[in-house]
């Protein structure tokens, strides 16, 4: 009975993580500029991968593999927000400007104007 509960919990986490990974991938394709694309990229990194790894940790049971997966999970949770912030800062420093609401009303205007 306990094995069934662990299987249900792990597959639920893996399925939920997969949904976030697919939704984040669609978001990466549909968002208009680099700054709005960073949000789904962050979801893919932290929430999607985190849920999948948590599900895999339950599947692995108490083993050395679980310790390795936990270390990967901690690494992802600390590095993903830092990497997203660094990418946004690099884009701003190189002159890319966020797309504003009034940019959509002007035809022919570049979303990366300075």
Protein backbone atom coordinates (compact mmCIF):
# COMPACT_ATOMS: atom_id res chain seq x y z
CA UNK A 1 0.00 0.00 0.00
CA UNK A 2 2.87 2.36 0.80
CA UNK A 3 4.53 1.58 -2.54
CA UNK A 4 1.31 2.46 -4.35
CA UNK A 5 1.09 5.80 -2.53
CA UNK A 6 4.74 6.56 -3.40
CA UNK A 7 4.10 5.70 -7.05
CA UNK A 8 1.01 7.90 -7.20
CA UNK A 9 2.84 10.81 -5.54
CA UNK A 10 5.91 10.50 -7.73
CA UNK A 11 4.00 10.20 -10.98
CA UNK A 12 1.79 13.13 -9.97
CA UNK A 13 4.88 15.28 -9.44
CA UNK A 14 6.44 14.11 -12.71
CA UNK A 15 3.21 14.82 -14.61
CA UNK A 16 2.81 18.26 -13.02
CA UNK A 17 6.43 19.08 -13.84
CA UNK A 18 5.91 17.93 -17.42
CA UNK A 19 2.89 20.22 -17.75
CA UNK A 20 4.98 23.17 -16.57
CA UNK A 21 7.79 22.22 -18.97
CA UNK A 22 5.42 22.12 -21.94
CA UNK A 23 3.68 25.34 -20.90
CA UNK A 24 7.04 27.07 -20.47
CA UNK A 25 8.18 25.85 -23.88
CA UNK A 26 5.04 27.24 -25.49
CA UNK A 27 5.58 30.48 -23.59
CA UNK A 28 9.13 30.75 -24.92
CA UNK A 29 7.82 30.50 -28.46
CA UNK A 30 4.91 32.91 -28.04
CA UNK A 31 6.39 35.77 -26.01
CA UNK A 32 7.38 38.85 -28.03
CA UNK A 33 10.73 39.95 -26.54
CA UNK A 34 13.64 38.75 -24.47
CA UNK A 35 12.35 40.10 -21.16
CA UNK A 36 8.97 38.42 -21.37
CA UNK A 37 10.65 35.18 -22.51
CA UNK A 38 12.68 35.11 -19.32
CA UNK A 39 9.57 34.40 -17.26
CA UNK A 40 8.66 31.08 -18.93
CA UNK A 41 12.35 30.17 -19.00
CA UNK A 42 12.44 30.63 -15.24
CA UNK A 43 9.34 28.48 -14.85
CA UNK A 44 10.93 25.71 -16.88
CA UNK A 45 14.09 25.82 -14.80
CA UNK A 46 12.72 26.07 -11.31
CA UNK A 47 9.19 24.75 -11.22
CA UNK A 48 9.14 22.28 -14.10
CA UNK A 49 12.52 20.69 -13.50
CA UNK A 50 12.04 20.89 -9.73
CA UNK A 51 8.80 18.92 -9.80
CA UNK A 52 10.23 16.31 -12.16
CA UNK A 53 13.32 15.87 -9.99
CA UNK A 54 11.17 15.65 -6.83
CA UNK A 55 9.13 12.90 -8.48
CA UNK A 56 12.30 11.08 -9.47
CA UNK A 57 13.55 11.35 -5.89
CA UNK A 58 10.45 9.56 -4.65
CA UNK A 59 10.89 6.90 -7.34
CA UNK A 60 14.53 6.35 -6.35
CA UNK A 61 13.70 5.74 -2.71
CA UNK A 62 16.33 6.10 -0.01
CA UNK A 63 19.54 5.70 -1.99
CA UNK A 64 22.62 7.54 -3.13
CA UNK A 65 20.73 8.52 -6.29
CA UNK A 66 18.27 10.49 -4.15
CA UNK A 67 21.15 12.42 -2.57
CA UNK A 68 22.50 13.28 -6.01
CA UNK A 69 19.07 14.38 -7.21
CA UNK A 70 18.64 16.53 -4.10
CA UNK A 71 21.96 18.22 -4.81
CA UNK A 72 20.93 18.88 -8.41
CA UNK A 73 17.62 20.30 -7.17
CA UNK A 74 19.35 22.65 -4.72
CA UNK A 75 21.79 23.72 -7.44
CA UNK A 76 18.93 24.50 -9.84
CA UNK A 77 16.99 26.49 -7.24
CA UNK A 78 20.00 28.69 -6.50
CA UNK A 79 21.41 29.15 -10.01
CA UNK A 80 18.26 29.57 -12.10
CA UNK A 81 17.10 32.92 -10.64
CA UNK A 82 20.66 34.25 -10.72
CA UNK A 83 21.06 33.23 -14.37
CA UNK A 84 17.71 34.79 -15.31
CA UNK A 85 18.66 38.04 -13.59
CA UNK A 86 22.08 38.04 -15.29
CA UNK A 87 20.47 37.54 -18.71
CA UNK A 88 18.03 40.39 -18.14
CA UNK A 89 20.81 42.64 -16.91
CA UNK A 90 23.01 41.77 -19.90
CA UNK A 91 20.14 42.51 -22.30
CA UNK A 92 19.52 45.89 -20.65
CA UNK A 93 23.24 46.72 -20.67
CA UNK A 94 23.52 45.92 -24.37
CA UNK A 95 20.75 48.35 -25.23
CA UNK A 96 17.72 46.09 -25.57
CA UNK A 97 14.69 47.87 -24.17
CA UNK A 98 11.54 46.19 -22.84
CA UNK A 99 8.53 46.23 -25.12
CA UNK A 100 5.97 48.64 -23.69
CA UNK A 101 2.21 48.77 -24.16
CA UNK A 102 2.40 51.93 -26.29
CA UNK A 103 4.88 50.19 -28.66
CA UNK A 104 2.07 47.99 -29.98
CA UNK A 105 0.04 50.97 -31.12
CA UNK A 106 2.83 52.35 -33.33
CA UNK A 107 3.20 50.44 -36.57
CA UNK A 108 6.69 49.83 -37.88
CA UNK A 109 8.34 50.77 -34.61
CA UNK A 110 11.00 48.37 -33.34
CA UNK A 111 10.33 46.86 -29.90
CA UNK A 112 14.02 47.30 -29.02
CA UNK A 113 14.24 51.06 -29.55
CA UNK A 114 16.35 53.10 -27.15
